[in-house]
N, C-alpha and C. Protein backbone atom coordinates (compact mmCIF):
# COMPACT_ATOMS: atom_id res chain seq x y z
N MET A 1 -3.77 -8.48 20.97
CA MET A 1 -2.88 -8.28 20.52
C MET A 1 -2.46 -6.69 20.10
N ALA A 2 -1.35 -6.53 20.28
CA ALA A 2 -0.67 -5.24 20.11
C ALA A 2 -0.90 -4.60 18.57
N THR A 3 -1.60 -3.48 18.78
CA THR A 3 -1.81 -2.63 17.52
C THR A 3 -0.92 -1.01 17.30
N ASP A 4 -0.33 -1.14 18.91
CA ASP A 4 0.72 -0.22 18.67
C ASP A 4 1.86 -0.54 18.13
N LEU A 5 2.82 0.47 17.30
CA LEU A 5 4.13 0.17 16.66
C LEU A 5 4.80 -0.19 18.02
N ILE A 6 4.63 0.63 18.74
CA ILE A 6 6.07 0.64 19.59
C ILE A 6 6.16 -0.61 20.57
N GLU A 7 4.68 -1.39 20.43
CA GLU A 7 4.19 -2.48 21.62
C GLU A 7 4.72 -4.08 20.77
N LEU A 8 4.98 -3.92 19.33
CA LEU A 8 5.32 -5.32 18.64
C LEU A 8 6.96 -5.62 19.07
N LYS A 9 6.85 -6.47 18.88
CA LYS A 9 8.58 -7.59 19.21
C LYS A 9 9.49 -6.73 18.23
N ASN A 10 10.54 -6.22 18.37
CA ASN A 10 11.33 -5.81 17.50
C ASN A 10 11.63 -4.30 17.46
N LEU A 11 10.66 -4.03 17.42
CA LEU A 11 10.55 -2.46 17.37
C LEU A 11 10.68 -1.66 18.06
N GLY A 12 11.45 -0.37 17.98
CA GLY A 12 11.89 0.26 19.36
C GLY A 12 11.73 1.72 18.61
N LYS A 13 12.00 2.48 19.46
CA LYS A 13 11.90 3.89 19.14
C LYS A 13 12.24 4.38 18.03
N THR A 14 13.26 4.47 17.36
CA THR A 14 13.31 5.19 16.53
C THR A 14 12.99 4.08 15.42
N SER A 15 13.20 3.29 15.23
CA SER A 15 12.23 2.14 14.18
C SER A 15 11.16 2.63 13.88
N VAL A 16 10.61 3.17 15.21
CA VAL A 16 8.66 3.79 15.13
C VAL A 16 8.62 4.77 14.68
N GLN A 17 9.79 5.59 14.95
CA GLN A 17 9.60 7.23 14.01
C GLN A 17 10.30 6.99 12.35
N TRP A 18 11.03 6.20 12.08
CA TRP A 18 10.72 5.91 10.58
C TRP A 18 9.76 5.49 10.33
N LEU A 19 8.69 4.28 10.87
CA LEU A 19 7.82 4.34 10.44
C LEU A 19 6.84 5.25 10.17
N ASN A 20 6.85 6.12 11.20
CA ASN A 20 5.81 6.83 11.13
C ASN A 20 6.08 8.33 9.97
N ALA A 21 7.63 8.36 10.04
CA ALA A 21 7.94 9.16 8.76
C ALA A 21 7.75 9.16 7.34
N VAL A 22 7.18 7.92 7.38
CA VAL A 22 7.27 7.18 5.82
C VAL A 22 5.36 6.97 6.04
N GLY A 23 5.08 7.16 6.88
CA GLY A 23 3.32 7.26 7.03
C GLY A 23 2.91 5.75 7.60
N ILE A 24 3.53 5.06 8.00
CA ILE A 24 3.02 4.11 8.34
C ILE A 24 2.88 3.94 10.45
N ARG A 25 1.35 4.05 10.63
CA ARG A 25 1.51 4.45 11.67
C ARG A 25 0.46 3.37 12.70
N THR A 26 0.42 2.37 11.88
CA THR A 26 -0.33 0.99 12.81
C THR A 26 0.04 -0.39 12.10
N LEU A 27 -0.47 -1.27 13.08
CA LEU A 27 0.42 -2.34 12.90
C LEU A 27 -0.67 -2.99 11.25
N GLU A 28 -1.75 -2.26 11.34
CA GLU A 28 -2.84 -2.83 10.22
C GLU A 28 -2.22 -2.07 9.13
N GLN A 29 -1.17 -1.05 8.96
CA GLN A 29 -0.61 -0.42 7.71
C GLN A 29 0.56 -1.35 7.12
N LEU A 30 1.17 -1.25 8.31
CA LEU A 30 2.08 -2.30 8.57
C LEU A 30 1.87 -3.59 7.83
N HIS A 31 0.90 -4.40 8.20
CA HIS A 31 0.62 -5.53 7.22
C HIS A 31 -0.18 -5.14 5.70
N GLU A 32 -0.95 -4.08 5.63
CA GLU A 32 -0.82 -3.33 4.09
C GLU A 32 0.18 -3.59 3.47
N VAL A 33 1.52 -2.67 3.81
CA VAL A 33 2.44 -2.50 3.10
C VAL A 33 3.64 -3.38 3.14
N GLY A 34 3.58 -4.52 4.42
CA GLY A 34 4.48 -5.75 4.59
C GLY A 34 6.14 -4.92 4.40
N SER A 35 6.66 -5.89 4.93
CA SER A 35 8.20 -5.80 5.38
C SER A 35 8.81 -5.20 4.52
N VAL A 36 8.80 -5.80 3.62
CA VAL A 36 9.57 -5.34 2.50
C VAL A 36 9.48 -3.98 1.76
N ALA A 37 8.17 -3.56 1.61
CA ALA A 37 8.06 -2.24 1.05
C ALA A 37 7.99 -1.23 2.09
N ALA A 38 7.92 -1.65 3.37
CA ALA A 38 8.16 -0.74 4.52
C ALA A 38 9.31 -0.18 4.51
N TYR A 39 10.55 -0.71 4.52
CA TYR A 39 12.11 -1.19 4.80
C TYR A 39 12.46 -0.39 3.81
N CYS A 40 11.51 -0.83 2.38
CA CYS A 40 12.32 -0.31 1.30
C CYS A 40 11.99 1.62 1.80
N LYS A 41 10.60 1.55 1.88
CA LYS A 41 9.97 3.34 2.27
C LYS A 41 11.03 4.06 3.24
N VAL A 42 11.62 3.22 3.87
CA VAL A 42 12.51 4.02 5.16
C VAL A 42 13.96 4.54 4.27
N ARG A 43 14.72 3.04 4.06
CA ARG A 43 15.38 3.17 3.30
C ARG A 43 15.28 4.71 2.36
N ASP A 44 14.71 4.53 1.58
CA ASP A 44 13.97 5.86 0.23
C ASP A 44 14.07 6.82 1.05
N ARG A 45 13.79 6.77 2.56
CA ARG A 45 13.62 8.62 2.80
C ARG A 45 15.01 9.08 3.03
N GLY A 46 16.07 8.33 3.41
CA GLY A 46 17.13 8.68 3.56
C GLY A 46 17.68 7.99 5.06
N PHE A 47 16.79 7.80 5.60
CA PHE A 47 17.32 7.35 7.01
C PHE A 47 18.54 5.98 6.54
N LYS A 48 19.72 6.02 7.31
CA LYS A 48 20.66 4.99 7.55
C LYS A 48 20.03 3.92 8.48
N VAL A 49 19.68 3.26 7.53
CA VAL A 49 19.11 1.37 8.57
C VAL A 49 20.29 0.60 7.70
N SER A 50 19.90 -0.54 8.35
CA SER A 50 20.88 -2.17 8.17
C SER A 50 19.77 -2.94 7.88
N LYS A 51 20.50 -4.11 7.39
CA LYS A 51 19.00 -5.28 6.94
C LYS A 51 18.49 -5.96 8.78
N VAL A 52 18.99 -5.14 9.35
CA VAL A 52 18.61 -6.12 10.41
C VAL A 52 16.95 -5.02 10.86
N LEU A 53 16.58 -3.68 10.40
CA LEU A 53 15.68 -3.55 10.34
C LEU A 53 14.25 -4.28 9.28
N LEU A 54 15.08 -4.46 8.17
CA LEU A 54 14.08 -5.96 7.39
C LEU A 54 13.97 -6.73 8.61
N TYR A 55 14.35 -7.42 9.06
CA TYR A 55 14.25 -8.51 9.80
C TYR A 55 13.38 -8.33 11.06
N ALA A 56 13.47 -7.31 11.69
CA ALA A 56 12.97 -6.85 12.45
C ALA A 56 11.25 -6.23 12.30
N LEU A 57 11.21 -5.77 10.78
CA LEU A 57 9.67 -5.80 10.71
C LEU A 57 9.08 -6.81 9.86
N GLU A 58 10.14 -7.51 9.70
CA GLU A 58 9.16 -9.25 9.36
C GLU A 58 8.44 -9.56 10.72
N GLY A 59 9.87 -9.80 11.77
CA GLY A 59 9.25 -10.36 12.99
C GLY A 59 8.26 -10.24 13.95
N ALA A 60 8.05 -8.29 13.74
CA ALA A 60 7.14 -7.62 14.18
C ALA A 60 5.78 -8.25 13.49
N LEU A 61 5.38 -8.84 11.92
CA LEU A 61 4.53 -9.10 11.61
C LEU A 61 3.81 -10.08 12.55
N ILE A 62 5.08 -10.94 12.12
CA ILE A 62 4.98 -12.56 12.66
C ILE A 62 4.84 -12.88 14.06
N GLY A 63 5.23 -12.16 14.77
CA GLY A 63 5.50 -11.98 16.33
C GLY A 63 6.70 -12.92 16.57
N ALA A 64 7.61 -13.04 15.93
CA ALA A 64 8.87 -13.56 16.62
C ALA A 64 10.01 -12.02 16.36
N HIS A 65 11.13 -13.02 16.96
CA HIS A 65 12.41 -12.16 17.29
C HIS A 65 13.33 -12.01 16.09
N TRP A 66 13.38 -11.08 15.45
CA TRP A 66 13.94 -11.08 14.10
C TRP A 66 15.77 -11.81 13.94
N ASN A 67 16.22 -12.36 15.12
CA ASN A 67 17.81 -13.34 15.17
C ASN A 67 16.94 -14.45 15.04
N ASP A 68 15.74 -15.24 15.27
CA ASP A 68 14.50 -16.40 15.14
C ASP A 68 14.70 -16.85 13.82
N LEU A 69 14.63 -15.73 12.66
CA LEU A 69 14.00 -16.48 11.13
C LEU A 69 15.07 -17.36 11.29
N ASP A 70 14.69 -17.80 10.01
CA ASP A 70 15.68 -19.01 9.17
C ASP A 70 16.49 -18.25 8.32
N PRO A 71 17.59 -18.70 8.17
CA PRO A 71 18.86 -17.38 7.35
C PRO A 71 18.41 -17.96 5.91
N ASP A 72 17.51 -18.63 5.45
CA ASP A 72 17.17 -18.81 4.13
C ASP A 72 15.56 -17.90 3.80
N TYR A 73 14.97 -17.68 5.37
CA TYR A 73 13.68 -16.89 5.01
C TYR A 73 14.63 -15.37 5.12
N LYS A 74 15.67 -15.40 5.60
CA LYS A 74 16.33 -14.00 5.64
C LYS A 74 16.58 -13.47 4.48
N ALA A 75 17.28 -14.76 3.76
CA ALA A 75 17.96 -14.15 2.39
C ALA A 75 16.89 -14.18 1.45
N ARG A 76 15.75 -14.64 1.65
CA ARG A 76 14.78 -14.29 0.34
C ARG A 76 14.08 -13.36 0.63
N LEU A 77 14.22 -12.75 2.09
CA LEU A 77 13.34 -11.03 1.82
C LEU A 77 14.95 -10.05 1.82
N LEU A 78 16.04 -10.02 1.65
CA LEU A 78 17.34 -9.50 1.03
C LEU A 78 16.96 -9.62 -0.45
N GLU A 79 16.33 -10.66 -0.88
CA GLU A 79 16.21 -10.62 -2.74
C GLU A 79 15.16 -9.74 -2.87
N ALA A 80 13.51 -10.00 -2.20
CA ALA A 80 12.39 -9.19 -2.38
C ALA A 80 12.98 -7.56 -2.51
N VAL A 81 14.06 -7.33 -1.77
CA VAL A 81 14.49 -5.87 -1.35
C VAL A 81 14.96 -5.38 -2.75
N GLU A 82 15.74 -6.28 -2.76
CA GLU A 82 16.74 -5.95 -4.05
C GLU A 82 15.68 -6.20 -5.48
N ASP A 83 14.80 -6.61 -5.97
CA ASP A 83 14.35 -6.86 -6.36
C ASP A 83 12.83 -5.64 -6.40
N SER A 84 13.10 -5.24 -5.73
CA SER A 84 11.64 -3.78 -6.12
C SER A 84 12.25 -2.77 -6.05
N PRO A 85 11.77 -1.73 -6.83
CA PRO A 85 12.17 -0.87 -7.68
C PRO A 85 12.18 0.51 -6.71
N PRO A 86 12.67 1.59 -6.40
CA PRO A 86 12.83 2.40 -5.27
C PRO A 86 11.75 3.23 -5.54
N VAL A 87 11.58 3.59 -3.92
CA VAL A 87 9.90 3.81 -3.83
C VAL A 87 10.41 5.39 -3.34
N LEU A 88 9.73 6.13 -4.32
CA LEU A 88 9.86 7.64 -4.33
C LEU A 88 8.65 8.27 -3.93
């Protein structure tokens, strides 16, 4: 199993750099934080992100390509982001 973020499905150099910038450096840390909170941390840090990053993070956690996530699942992830308070 991949332990380094760059080895995970969906994550490339830029997304890993963004995660590192908000203190997420390992798969274990990403699991602890979760995809929604990790996305919010990156977004609130000022990086220009799209919802694809959210899907990519979730896909990385469950071992699936982000585009294979069910549309309802994606919608629930977006709702969770909208319900999350800003991370400062």
